[in-house]
Amino acid sequence: MKRPHRRQFLQLAAGAAALPMVSCFALAQAYPTRPVRIIVPFAPGGGTDIAARLIAQWLTERLHQPFLVENRTGGGGNIGVEAVVRAPADGYTLLLVSSANAINTTLYSRLNFNFIRDIRPVGSFVRIPNVMEVHPSFPAKTVPEFIAYAKANPGKIGMASTGIGTSTHLAGELFKIMTGVDMLHVPYRGGAPALTDLLAGQVQVYFGTTASSVGYFSAGTLRPLAVTTATRLEALPDIPTVGQFVPGYEASTWWGVGAPKNTPTEIVEKLNKEINAALVDPKIKVRLADLGAAALPGSSTDFAKLIADETDKWAKVIRAANIKPE
């Protein structure tokens, strides 16, 4: 049998080495060829679910395959994450990533995954501020007045939240740490009962989401003191930020898309491109404004940095306040 010459051998070897690159490129060009699941680790109807369905509809229209939202609840959102971690890394199972994932990394001491290691960031989507709000009968009308009142009445202000370790809870705990005030945390099972008691004056302050609270502001049944993001909210331009009075304060809820860790780069980049395209679409921008949200465009690398920074930030708050999961 005739042995191949050295040049032929090198040509064959080079061709073989190029096969994975060609196949990955072809895979990304064809992707998706069947329905894609976006797993939401929380119940239908909440902000996370709404955000997932908004981006799912966009991706369905742009990529010509159904992107289907699947709610996988339980474990504070960890059950849904684990389902994605264990899924094939082929782009057909995605995760609706939220600030809760950055919080849970420290809040839960025993998880069956390492979020930063096991989930590959695809792209960020939106950021939503919380609003520091009080009952209209509360004597403070500004953040400085609130701080002064809280310091004069330590432990007497009831601070509502949607549950231990939630973004509304940690926004309040960060405020306590940075201002040195002492407030009584009153956790509820969701935003509706927290708002009910705030409206009744049973608790005095709540770092609630804009989407759930803005109607009460216009009706005058709740008083907004400040938004928790670093910049003012377009939907509430007259409301200052907490950071104007407490330098460096920032707390918000954010959402994006993730995938199993070994998902091909070409697929990640394709999805990232489409997510960023959604954020400049006029119809999507209107929907985001209705949610009180601000677009959060960027590369997958930008999103990875956001997740890492937020994980570190909330770890410090959780440890300082000695917060334990329910």
C-alpha atoms as a PDB file:
ATOM      1  CA  MET A   1       0.000   0.000   0.000  1.00  0.00           C
ATOM      2  CA  LYS A   2       1.389   3.382  -0.992  1.00  0.00           C
ATOM      3  CA  ARG A   3       2.076   5.674   1.958  1.00  0.00           C
ATOM      4  CA  PRO A   4       1.015   9.323   1.609  1.00  0.00           C
ATOM      5  CA  HIS A   5       3.721  11.888   1.119  1.00  0.00           C
ATOM      6  CA  ARG A   6       4.467  14.331   3.947  1.00  0.00           C
ATOM      7  CA  ARG A   7       2.706  17.187   2.111  1.00  0.00           C
ATOM      8  CA  GLN A   8      -0.430  15.085   1.608  1.00  0.00           C
ATOM      9  CA  PHE A   9      -0.363  14.064   5.262  1.00  0.00           C
ATOM     10  CA  LEU A  10      -0.130  17.687   6.428  1.00  0.00           C
ATOM     11  CA  GLN A  11      -2.979  18.677   4.123  1.00  0.00           C
ATOM     12  CA  LEU A  12      -5.134  15.884   5.523  1.00  0.00           C
ATOM     13  CA  ALA A  13      -4.256  16.861   9.099  1.00  0.00           C
ATOM     14  CA  ALA A  14      -5.047  20.517   8.457  1.00  0.00           C
ATOM     15  CA  GLY A  15      -8.372  19.562   6.924  1.00  0.00           C
ATOM     16  CA  ALA A  16      -9.271  17.395   9.906  1.00  0.00           C
ATOM     17  CA  ALA A  17      -8.349  20.165  12.339  1.00  0.00           C
ATOM     18  CA  ALA A  18     -10.608  22.581  10.486  1.00  0.00           C
ATOM     19  CA  LEU A  19     -13.633  20.282  10.700  1.00  0.00           C
ATOM     20  CA  PRO A  20     -14.731  21.327  14.217  1.00  0.00           C
ATOM     21  CA  MET A  21     -14.459  24.992  13.244  1.00  0.00           C
ATOM     22  CA  VAL A  22     -16.477  24.472  10.094  1.00  0.00           C
ATOM     23  CA  SER A  23     -19.092  22.375  11.883  1.00  0.00           C
ATOM     24  CA  CYS A  24     -19.479  24.959  14.683  1.00  0.00           C
ATOM     25  CA  PHE A  25     -19.882  27.726  12.118  1.00  0.00           C
ATOM     26  CA  ALA A  26     -22.423  25.678  10.185  1.00  0.00           C
ATOM     27  CA  LEU A  27     -24.259  24.895  13.422  1.00  0.00           C
ATOM     28  CA  ALA A  28     -24.521  28.579  14.311  1.00  0.00           C
ATOM     29  CA  GLN A  29     -25.643  29.478  10.788  1.00  0.00           C
ATOM     30  CA  ALA A  30     -28.432  26.899  10.920  1.00  0.00           C
ATOM     31  CA  TYR A  31     -29.412  27.476  14.583  1.00  0.00           C
ATOM     32  CA  PRO A  32     -32.146  27.109  15.579  1.00  0.00           C
ATOM     33  CA  THR A  33     -33.664  24.252  13.613  1.00  0.00           C
ATOM     34  CA  ARG A  34     -36.230  23.274  16.263  1.00  0.00           C
ATOM     35  CA  PRO A  35     -38.033  24.845  19.251  1.00  0.00           C
ATOM     36  CA  VAL A  36     -35.936  26.384  22.040  1.00  0.00           C
ATOM     37  CA  ARG A  37     -36.882  26.331  25.731  1.00  0.00           C
ATOM     38  CA  ILE A  38     -36.344  29.363  27.967  1.00  0.00           C
ATOM     39  CA  ILE A  39     -36.594  28.155  31.543  1.00  0.00           C
ATOM     40  CA  VAL A  40     -37.915  30.707  34.024  1.00  0.00           C
ATOM     41  CA  PRO A  41     -37.164  29.676  37.624  1.00  0.00           C
ATOM     42  CA  PHE A  42     -40.219  31.522  38.973  1.00  0.00           C
ATOM     43  CA  ALA A  43     -44.001  31.345  38.685  1.00  0.00           C
ATOM     44  CA  PRO A  44     -45.987  32.755  35.736  1.00  0.00           C
ATOM     45  CA  GLY A  45     -47.198  36.345  35.906  1.00  0.00           C
ATOM     46  CA  GLY A  46     -44.275  37.929  37.765  1.00  0.00           C
ATOM     47  CA  GLY A  47     -41.740  40.357  36.350  1.00  0.00           C
ATOM     48  CA  THR A  48     -39.226  37.635  35.494  1.00  0.00           C
ATOM     49  CA  ASP A  49     -41.871  35.712  33.565  1.00  0.00           C
ATOM     50  CA  ILE A  50     -43.047  38.845  31.725  1.00  0.00           C
ATOM     51  CA  ALA A  51     -39.472  39.658  30.686  1.00  0.00           C
ATOM     52  CA  ALA A  52     -38.935  36.087  29.464  1.00  0.00           C
ATOM     53  CA  ARG A  53     -42.080  36.096  27.346  1.00  0.00           C
ATOM     54  CA  LEU A  54     -41.171  39.457  25.831  1.00  0.00           C
ATOM     55  CA  ILE A  55     -37.737  38.280  24.689  1.00  0.00           C
ATOM     56  CA  ALA A  56     -39.120  34.859  23.680  1.00  0.00           C
ATOM     57  CA  GLN A  57     -41.625  36.480  21.318  1.00  0.00           C
ATOM     58  CA  TRP A  58     -38.875  38.610  19.787  1.00  0.00           C
ATOM     59  CA  LEU A  59     -36.521  35.673  19.253  1.00  0.00           C
ATOM     60  CA  THR A  60     -39.348  33.588  17.784  1.00  0.00           C
ATOM     61  CA  GLU A  61     -40.049  36.275  15.201  1.00  0.00           C
ATOM     62  CA  ARG A  62     -36.394  36.919  14.397  1.00  0.00           C
ATOM     63  CA  LEU A  63     -35.061  33.354  14.302  1.00  0.00           C
ATOM     64  CA  HIS A  64     -38.168  31.637  12.859  1.00  0.00           C
ATOM     65  CA  GLN A  65     -38.422  28.896  15.467  1.00  0.00           C
ATOM     66  CA  PRO A  66     -40.601  28.846  18.606  1.00  0.00           C
ATOM     67  CA  PHE A  67     -38.868  30.067  21.780  1.00  0.00           C
ATOM     68  CA  LEU A  68     -41.062  28.574  24.495  1.00  0.00           C
ATOM     69  CA  VAL A  69     -41.155  29.770  28.103  1.00  0.00           C
ATOM     70  CA  GLU A  70     -41.174  26.978  30.667  1.00  0.00           C
ATOM     71  CA  ASN A  71     -41.735  27.907  34.324  1.00  0.00           C
ATOM     72  CA  ARG A  72     -39.706  25.620  36.603  1.00  0.00           C
ATOM     73  CA  THR A  73     -40.327  26.867  40.142  1.00  0.00           C
ATOM     74  CA  GLY A  74     -38.984  25.930  43.560  1.00  0.00           C
ATOM     75  CA  GLY A  75     -35.959  26.327  45.771  1.00  0.00           C
ATOM     76  CA  GLY A  76     -35.908  30.098  45.502  1.00  0.00           C
ATOM     77  CA  GLY A  77     -35.241  29.768  41.773  1.00  0.00           C
ATOM     78  CA  ASN A  78     -32.500  27.159  42.118  1.00  0.00           C
ATOM     79  CA  ILE A  79     -34.469  24.218  40.699  1.00  0.00           C
ATOM     80  CA  GLY A  80     -34.882  25.947  37.345  1.00  0.00           C
ATOM     81  CA  VAL A  81     -31.197  26.861  37.241  1.00  0.00           C
ATOM     82  CA  GLU A  82     -30.161  23.269  37.934  1.00  0.00           C
ATOM     83  CA  ALA A  83     -32.358  22.055  35.059  1.00  0.00           C
ATOM     84  CA  VAL A  84     -30.433  24.311  32.673  1.00  0.00           C
ATOM     85  CA  VAL A  85     -27.063  23.355  34.155  1.00  0.00           C
ATOM     86  CA  ARG A  86     -27.848  19.684  33.428  1.00  0.00           C
ATOM     87  CA  ALA A  87     -29.258  20.324  29.929  1.00  0.00           C
ATOM     88  CA  PRO A  88     -27.267  19.681  26.724  1.00  0.00           C
ATOM     89  CA  ALA A  89     -25.098  22.667  25.775  1.00  0.00           C
ATOM     90  CA  ASP A  90     -26.591  22.981  22.312  1.00  0.00           C
ATOM     91  CA  GLY A  91     -28.503  26.272  22.512  1.00  0.00           C
ATOM     92  CA  TYR A  92     -31.904  24.612  22.831  1.00  0.00           C
ATOM     93  CA  THR A  93     -32.256  25.146  26.587  1.00  0.00           C
ATOM     94  CA  LEU A  94     -31.772  28.681  27.880  1.00  0.00           C
ATOM     95  CA  LEU A  95     -32.219  30.335  31.276  1.00  0.00           C
ATOM     96  CA  LEU A  96     -33.873  33.621  32.162  1.00  0.00           C
ATOM     97  CA  VAL A  97     -31.119  34.952  34.424  1.00  0.00           C
ATOM     98  CA  SER A  98     -31.945  37.508  37.117  1.00  0.00           C
ATOM     99  CA  SER A  99     -30.404  39.332  40.042  1.00  0.00           C
ATOM    100  CA  ALA A 100     -31.826  36.535  42.217  1.00  0.00           C
ATOM    101  CA  ASN A 101     -29.142  34.221  40.819  1.00  0.00           C
ATOM    102  CA  ALA A 102     -26.382  36.555  42.013  1.00  0.00           C
ATOM    103  CA  ILE A 103     -28.039  36.726  45.443  1.00  0.00           C
ATOM    104  CA  ASN A 104     -28.641  32.963  45.750  1.00  0.00           C
ATOM    105  CA  THR A 105     -24.962  32.151  45.226  1.00  0.00           C
ATOM    106  CA  THR A 106     -24.281  33.346  48.779  1.00  0.00           C
ATOM    107  CA  LEU A 107     -27.746  33.045  50.337  1.00  0.00           C
ATOM    108  CA  TYR A 108     -27.809  29.260  49.855  1.00  0.00           C
ATOM    109  CA  SER A 109     -24.764  27.507  51.284  1.00  0.00           C
ATOM    110  CA  ARG A 110     -25.394  24.166  49.559  1.00  0.00           C
ATOM    111  CA  LEU A 111     -26.215  24.243  45.876  1.00  0.00           C
ATOM    112  CA  ASN A 112     -25.738  21.468  43.332  1.00  0.00           C
ATOM    113  CA  PHE A 113     -24.080  23.917  40.933  1.00  0.00           C
ATOM    114  CA  ASN A 114     -21.775  26.907  40.812  1.00  0.00           C
ATOM    115  CA  PHE A 115     -23.711  29.573  38.931  1.00  0.00           C
ATOM    116  CA  ILE A 116     -20.729  31.538  37.607  1.00  0.00           C
ATOM    117  CA  ARG A 117     -18.954  28.345  36.514  1.00  0.00           C
ATOM    118  CA  ASP A 118     -21.929  26.385  35.166  1.00  0.00           C
ATOM    119  CA  ILE A 119     -24.042  29.009  33.374  1.00  0.00           C
ATOM    120  CA  ARG A 120     -22.664  30.841  30.352  1.00  0.00           C
ATOM    121  CA  PRO A 121     -23.921  34.445  30.094  1.00  0.00           C
ATOM    122  CA  VAL A 122     -25.542  35.198  26.739  1.00  0.00           C
ATOM    123  CA  GLY A 123     -26.746  38.759  27.129  1.00  0.00           C
ATOM    124  CA  SER A 124     -28.314  41.200  29.555  1.00  0.00           C
ATOM    125  CA  PHE A 125     -31.764  42.531  28.787  1.00  0.00           C
ATOM    126  CA  VAL A 126     -33.185  45.095  31.223  1.00  0.00           C
ATOM    127  CA  ARG A 127     -32.644  46.751  34.584  1.00  0.00           C
ATOM    128  CA  ILE A 128     -35.563  47.728  36.823  1.00  0.00           C
ATOM    129  CA  PRO A 129     -35.209  49.990  39.854  1.00  0.00           C
ATOM    130  CA  ASN A 130     -36.920  49.516  43.133  1.00  0.00           C
ATOM    131  CA  VAL A 131     -38.628  52.517  44.691  1.00  0.00           C
ATOM    132  CA  MET A 132     -38.234  53.504  48.307  1.00  0.00           C
ATOM    133  CA  GLU A 133     -41.859  54.228  49.174  1.00  0.00           C
ATOM    134  CA  VAL A 134     -43.832  55.045  52.298  1.00  0.00           C
ATOM    135  CA  HIS A 135     -47.430  55.444  53.433  1.00  0.00           C
ATOM    136  CA  PRO A 136     -48.652  59.046  52.930  1.00  0.00           C
ATOM    137  CA  SER A 137     -49.096  59.443  56.703  1.00  0.00           C
ATOM    138  CA  PHE A 138     -45.396  58.807  57.311  1.00  0.00           C
ATOM    139  CA  PRO A 139     -43.785  62.046  58.557  1.00  0.00           C
ATOM    140  CA  ALA A 140     -40.721  61.932  56.264  1.00  0.00           C
ATOM    141  CA  LYS A 141     -41.084  63.375  52.774  1.00  0.00           C
ATOM    142  CA  THR A 142     -37.445  63.013  51.665  1.00  0.00           C
ATOM    143  CA  VAL A 143     -34.662  60.474  52.142  1.00  0.00           C
ATOM    144  CA  PRO A 144     -32.712  62.745  54.559  1.00  0.00           C
ATOM    145  CA  GLU A 145     -35.881  63.251  56.624  1.00  0.00           C
ATOM    146  CA  PHE A 146     -36.451  59.490  56.607  1.00  0.00           C
ATOM    147  CA  ILE A 147     -32.915  58.802  57.847  1.00  0.00           C
ATOM    148  CA  ALA A 148     -33.270  61.385  60.611  1.00  0.00           C
ATOM    149  CA  TYR A 149     -36.632  59.937  61.701  1.00  0.00           C
ATOM    150  CA  ALA A 150     -35.295  56.353  61.615  1.00  0.00           C
ATOM    151  CA  LYS A 151     -32.300  57.296  63.764  1.00  0.00           C
ATOM    152  CA  ALA A 152     -34.589  59.010  66.258  1.00  0.00           C
ATOM    153  CA  ASN A 153     -36.848  55.933  66.355  1.00  0.00           C
ATOM    154  CA  PRO A 154     -34.547  52.877  66.143  1.00  0.00           C
ATOM    155  CA  GLY A 155     -36.285  49.565  65.506  1.00  0.00           C
ATOM    156  CA  LYS A 156     -39.729  51.176  65.230  1.00  0.00           C
ATOM    157  CA  ILE A 157     -40.004  51.364  61.432  1.00  0.00           C
ATOM    158  CA  GLY A 158     -41.437  48.253  59.774  1.00  0.00           C
ATOM    159  CA  MET A 159     -39.653  47.523  56.457  1.00  0.00           C
ATOM    160  CA  ALA A 160     -41.731  45.271  54.204  1.00  0.00           C
ATOM    161  CA  SER A 161     -40.211  42.900  51.649  1.00  0.00           C
ATOM    162  CA  THR A 162     -41.346  40.179  49.275  1.00  0.00           C
ATOM    163  CA  GLY A 163     -39.457  37.597  51.332  1.00  0.00           C
ATOM    164  CA  ILE A 164     -36.100  36.851  52.922  1.00  0.00           C
ATOM    165  CA  GLY A 165     -33.249  37.244  50.450  1.00  0.00           C
ATOM    166  CA  THR A 166     -35.325  38.879  47.712  1.00  0.00           C
ATOM    167  CA  SER A 167     -34.232  42.027  45.907  1.00  0.00           C
ATOM    168  CA  THR A 168     -36.721  44.137  47.895  1.00  0.00           C
ATOM    169  CA  HIS A 169     -35.245  42.799  51.130  1.00  0.00           C
ATOM    170  CA  LEU A 170     -31.610  43.312  50.140  1.00  0.00           C
ATOM    171  CA  ALA A 171     -32.279  46.819  48.812  1.00  0.00           C
ATOM    172  CA  GLY A 172     -33.508  47.677  52.297  1.00  0.00           C
ATOM    173  CA  GLU A 173     -30.630  45.912  54.037  1.00  0.00           C
ATOM    174  CA  LEU A 174     -28.109  47.783  51.884  1.00  0.00           C
ATOM    175  CA  PHE A 175     -29.835  51.042  52.862  1.00  0.00           C
ATOM    176  CA  LYS A 176     -29.604  50.088  56.538  1.00  0.00           C
ATOM    177  CA  ILE A 177     -25.901  49.259  56.262  1.00  0.00           C
ATOM    178  CA  MET A 178     -24.998  52.429  54.377  1.00  0.00           C
ATOM    179  CA  THR A 179     -27.021  54.807  56.574  1.00  0.00           C
ATOM    180  CA  GLY A 180     -26.669  53.109  59.958  1.00  0.00           C
ATOM    181  CA  VAL A 181     -30.418  53.060  60.612  1.00  0.00           C
ATOM    182  CA  ASP A 182     -32.209  50.277  62.481  1.00  0.00           C
ATOM    183  CA  MET A 183     -35.450  49.047  60.899  1.00  0.00           C
ATOM    184  CA  LEU A 184     -37.551  45.945  61.573  1.00  0.00           C
ATOM    185  CA  HIS A 185     -37.671  43.624  58.571  1.00  0.00           C
ATOM    186  CA  VAL A 186     -41.177  42.286  57.882  1.00  0.00           C
ATOM    187  CA  PRO A 187     -41.058  39.622  55.136  1.00  0.00           C
ATOM    188  CA  TYR A 188     -44.146  38.704  53.103  1.00  0.00           C
ATOM    189  CA  ARG A 189     -44.811  35.974  50.564  1.00  0.00           C
ATOM    190  CA  GLY A 190     -44.834  38.213  47.521  1.00  0.00           C
ATOM    191  CA  GLY A 191     -45.466  41.813  46.569  1.00  0.00           C
ATOM    192  CA  ALA A 192     -49.265  41.830  46.859  1.00  0.00           C
ATOM    193  CA  PRO A 193     -49.476  41.208  50.637  1.00  0.00           C
ATOM    194  CA  ALA A 194     -46.542  43.572  51.255  1.00  0.00           C
ATOM    195  CA  LEU A 195     -48.329  46.363  49.389  1.00  0.00           C
ATOM    196  CA  THR A 196     -51.610  45.598  51.143  1.00  0.00           C
ATOM    197  CA  ASP A 197     -50.062  46.166  54.558  1.00  0.00           C
ATOM    198  CA  LEU A 198     -48.114  49.220  53.392  1.00  0.00           C
ATOM    199  CA  LEU A 199     -51.335  50.772  52.044  1.00  0.00           C
ATOM    200  CA  ALA A 200     -53.006  50.023  55.385  1.00  0.00           C
ATOM    201  CA  GLY A 201     -50.143  51.589  57.338  1.00  0.00           C
ATOM    202  CA  GLN A 202     -49.217  48.302  59.041  1.00  0.00           C
ATOM    203  CA  VAL A 203     -45.623  48.734  57.806  1.00  0.00           C
ATOM    204  CA  GLN A 204     -43.960  52.025  57.023  1.00  0.00           C
ATOM    205  CA  VAL A 205     -41.488  51.541  54.155  1.00  0.00           C
ATOM    206  CA  TYR A 206     -41.044  49.214  51.208  1.00  0.00           C
ATOM    207  CA  PHE A 207     -38.386  49.049  48.502  1.00  0.00           C
ATOM    208  CA  GLY A 208     -40.918  47.872  45.918  1.00  0.00           C
ATOM    209  CA  THR A 209     -40.752  47.397  42.171  1.00  0.00           C
ATOM    210  CA  THR A 210     -41.852  50.234  39.928  1.00  0.00           C
ATOM    211  CA  ALA A 211     -44.254  48.055  37.950  1.00  0.00           C
ATOM    212  CA  SER A 212     -46.283  47.153  41.031  1.00  0.00           C
ATOM    213  CA  SER A 213     -46.214  50.576  42.697  1.00  0.00           C
ATOM    214  CA  VAL A 214     -46.429  53.324  40.086  1.00  0.00           C
ATOM    215  CA  GLY A 215     -50.251  53.296  40.021  1.00  0.00           C
ATOM    216  CA  TYR A 216     -50.376  54.007  43.759  1.00  0.00           C
ATOM    217  CA  PHE A 217     -48.066  56.999  43.332  1.00  0.00           C
ATOM    218  CA  SER A 218     -50.348  58.658  40.795  1.00  0.00           C
ATOM    219  CA  ALA A 219     -53.362  57.919  43.024  1.00  0.00           C
ATOM    220  CA  GLY A 220     -51.600  59.465  46.026  1.00  0.00           C
ATOM    221  CA  THR A 221     -52.037  56.360  48.170  1.00  0.00           C
ATOM    222  CA  LEU A 222     -48.264  55.801  48.427  1.00  0.00           C
ATOM    223  CA  ARG A 223     -45.433  58.345  48.498  1.00  0.00           C
ATOM    224  CA  PRO A 224     -42.228  57.618  46.561  1.00  0.00           C
ATOM    225  CA  LEU A 225     -39.094  58.977  48.225  1.00  0.00           C
ATOM    226  CA  ALA A 226     -36.434  57.820  45.765  1.00  0.00           C
ATOM    227  CA  VAL A 227     -35.535  55.241  43.118  1.00  0.00           C
ATOM    228  CA  THR A 228     -32.760  52.782  43.900  1.00  0.00           C
ATOM    229  CA  THR A 229     -30.858  52.861  40.603  1.00  0.00           C
ATOM    230  CA  ALA A 230     -27.836  55.105  40.002  1.00  0.00           C
ATOM    231  CA  THR A 231     -29.815  57.325  37.621  1.00  0.00           C
ATOM    232  CA  ARG A 232     -33.354  58.663  37.662  1.00  0.00           C
ATOM    233  CA  LEU A 233     -36.105  56.686  35.990  1.00  0.00           C
ATOM    234  CA  GLU A 234     -37.563  58.092  32.783  1.00  0.00           C
ATOM    235  CA  ALA A 235     -41.069  57.092  33.900  1.00  0.00           C
ATOM    236  CA  LEU A 236     -40.619  58.974  37.224  1.00  0.00           C
ATOM    237  CA  PRO A 237     -38.384  61.915  36.281  1.00  0.00           C
ATOM    238  CA  ASP A 238     -39.221  63.977  39.356  1.00  0.00           C
ATOM    239  CA  ILE A 239     -38.218  61.275  41.834  1.00  0.00           C
ATOM    240  CA  PRO A 240     -34.583  61.530  42.988  1.00  0.00           C
ATOM    241  CA  THR A 241     -32.242  58.582  43.454  1.00  0.00           C
ATOM    242  CA  VAL A 242     -31.263  57.228  46.860  1.00  0.00           C
ATOM    243  CA  GLY A 243     -27.660  57.747  45.768  1.00  0.00           C
ATOM    244  CA  GLN A 244     -28.163  61.519  45.708  1.00  0.00           C
ATOM    245  CA  PHE A 245     -28.403  61.389  49.502  1.00  0.00           C
ATOM    246  CA  VAL A 246     -26.491  58.152  50.220  1.00  0.00           C
ATOM    247  CA  PRO A 247     -23.427  58.285  47.934  1.00  0.00           C
ATOM    248  CA  GLY A 248     -22.664  54.969  46.234  1.00  0.00           C
ATOM    249  CA  TYR A 249     -26.050  53.388  46.935  1.00  0.00           C
ATOM    250  CA  GLU A 250     -27.470  51.336  44.055  1.00  0.00           C
ATOM    251  CA  ALA A 251     -29.861  48.392  44.021  1.00  0.00           C
ATOM    252  CA  SER A 252     -31.897  47.046  41.148  1.00  0.00           C
ATOM    253  CA  THR A 253     -33.434  44.012  39.567  1.00  0.00           C
ATOM    254  CA  TRP A 254     -31.985  42.953  36.226  1.00  0.00           C
ATOM    255  CA  TRP A 255     -32.684  40.218  33.718  1.00  0.00           C
ATOM    256  CA  GLY A 256     -30.831  38.522  30.914  1.00  0.00           C
ATOM    257  CA  VAL A 257     -30.352  35.196  29.156  1.00  0.00           C
ATOM    258  CA  GLY A 258     -27.917  32.399  30.014  1.00  0.00           C
ATOM    259  CA  ALA A 259     -27.113  28.929  28.700  1.00  0.00           C
ATOM    260  CA  PRO A 260     -25.259  25.776  29.834  1.00  0.00           C
ATOM    261  CA  LYS A 261     -21.528  26.459  30.217  1.00  0.00           C
ATOM    262  CA  ASN A 262     -20.272  24.705  27.067  1.00  0.00           C
ATOM    263  CA  THR A 263     -22.782  26.235  24.652  1.00  0.00           C
ATOM    264  CA  PRO A 264     -20.887  27.093  21.418  1.00  0.00           C
ATOM    265  CA  THR A 265     -19.632  30.674  21.175  1.00  0.00           C
ATOM    266  CA  GLU A 266     -21.199  31.069  17.734  1.00  0.00           C
ATOM    267  CA  ILE A 267     -24.676  30.360  19.146  1.00  0.00           C
ATOM    268  CA  VAL A 268     -24.102  32.661  22.127  1.00  0.00           C
ATOM    269  CA  GLU A 269     -23.035  35.490  19.826  1.00  0.00           C
ATOM    270  CA  LYS A 270     -26.023  34.948  17.535  1.00  0.00           C
ATOM    271  CA  LEU A 271     -28.448  35.153  20.452  1.00  0.00           C
ATOM    272  CA  ASN A 272     -26.627  38.139  21.940  1.00  0.00           C
ATOM    273  CA  LYS A 273     -26.931  40.008  18.637  1.00  0.00           C
ATOM    274  CA  GLU A 274     -30.689  39.418  18.527  1.00  0.00           C
ATOM    275  CA  ILE A 275     -31.197  40.442  22.178  1.00  0.00           C
ATOM    276  CA  ASN A 276     -29.374  43.719  21.554  1.00  0.00           C
ATOM    277  CA  ALA A 277     -31.461  44.283  18.426  1.00  0.00           C
ATOM    278  CA  ALA A 278     -34.606  43.937  20.538  1.00  0.00           C
ATOM    279  CA  LEU A 279     -33.496  46.711  22.865  1.00  0.00           C
ATOM    280  CA  VAL A 280     -33.532  49.334  20.099  1.00  0.00           C
ATOM    281  CA  ASP A 281     -36.839  48.214  18.585  1.00  0.00           C
ATOM    282  CA  PRO A 282     -39.529  50.907  19.140  1.00  0.00           C
ATOM    283  CA  LYS A 283     -42.233  48.408  20.167  1.00  0.00           C
ATOM    284  CA  ILE A 284     -39.967  46.665  22.665  1.00  0.00           C
ATOM    285  CA  LYS A 285     -38.898  50.028  24.098  1.00  0.00           C
ATOM    286  CA  VAL A 286     -42.538  50.921  24.748  1.00  0.00           C
ATOM    287  CA  ARG A 287     -43.105  47.603  26.496  1.00  0.00           C
ATOM    288  CA  LEU A 288     -40.026  48.151  28.652  1.00  0.00           C
ATOM    289  CA  ALA A 289     -41.216  51.643  29.580  1.00  0.00           C
ATOM    290  CA  ASP A 290     -44.540  50.131  30.684  1.00  0.00           C
ATOM    291  CA  LEU A 291     -42.580  47.875  33.045  1.00  0.00           C
ATOM    292  CA  GLY A 292     -40.588  50.820  34.370  1.00  0.00           C
ATOM    293  CA  ALA A 293     -37.479  49.185  32.936  1.00  0.00           C
ATOM    294  CA  ALA A 294     -34.348  50.525  31.270  1.00  0.00           C
ATOM    295  CA  ALA A 295     -32.640  48.673  28.427  1.00  0.00           C
ATOM    296  CA  LEU A 296     -29.391  46.971  29.420  1.00  0.00           C
ATOM    297  CA  PRO A 297     -27.508  46.197  26.187  1.00  0.00           C
ATOM    298  CA  GLY A 298     -24.022  44.706  26.005  1.00  0.00           C
ATOM    299  CA  SER A 299     -21.879  41.757  25.028  1.00  0.00           C
ATOM    300  CA  SER A 300     -21.877  38.370  26.724  1.00  0.00           C
ATOM    301  CA  THR A 301     -18.620  39.461  28.398  1.00  0.00           C
ATOM    302  CA  ASP A 302     -20.336  42.576  29.760  1.00  0.00           C
ATOM    303  CA  PHE A 303     -23.092  40.398  31.189  1.00  0.00           C
ATOM    304  CA  ALA A 304     -20.556  38.052  32.787  1.00  0.00           C
ATOM    305  CA  LYS A 305     -18.942  41.033  34.534  1.00  0.00           C
ATOM    306  CA  LEU A 306     -22.324  42.284  35.763  1.00  0.00           C
ATOM    307  CA  ILE A 307     -23.139  38.870  37.251  1.00  0.00           C
ATOM    308  CA  ALA A 308     -19.725  38.617  38.940  1.00  0.00           C
ATOM    309  CA  ASP A 309     -19.903  42.161  40.332  1.00  0.00           C
ATOM    310  CA  GLU A 310     -23.441  41.712  41.635  1.00  0.00           C
ATOM    311  CA  THR A 311     -22.597  38.335  43.178  1.00  0.00           C
ATOM    312  CA  ASP A 312     -19.737  39.949  45.113  1.00  0.00           C
ATOM    313  CA  LYS A 313     -21.823  42.972  46.120  1.00  0.00           C
ATOM    314  CA  TRP A 314     -24.757  41.026  47.536  1.00  0.00           C
ATOM    315  CA  ALA A 315     -22.480  38.495  49.210  1.00  0.00           C
ATOM    316  CA  LYS A 316     -21.130  41.319  51.379  1.00  0.00           C
ATOM    317  CA  VAL A 317     -24.650  42.485  52.285  1.00  0.00           C
ATOM    318  CA  ILE A 318     -25.877  38.961  53.092  1.00  0.00           C
ATOM    319  CA  ARG A 319     -22.889  38.287  55.338  1.00  0.00           C
ATOM    320  CA  ALA A 320     -23.019  41.688  57.035  1.00  0.00           C
ATOM    321  CA  ALA A 321     -26.730  41.337  57.805  1.00  0.00           C
ATOM    322  CA  ASN A 322     -26.406  37.595  58.589  1.00  0.00           C
ATOM    323  CA  ILE A 323     -29.299  36.743  56.270  1.00  0.00           C
ATOM    324  CA  LYS A 324     -30.401  33.112  56.152  1.00  0.00           C
ATOM    325  CA  PRO A 325     -32.878  31.568  53.673  1.00  0.00           C
ATOM    326  CA  GLU A 326     -36.366  30.645  54.827  1.00  0.00           C
END
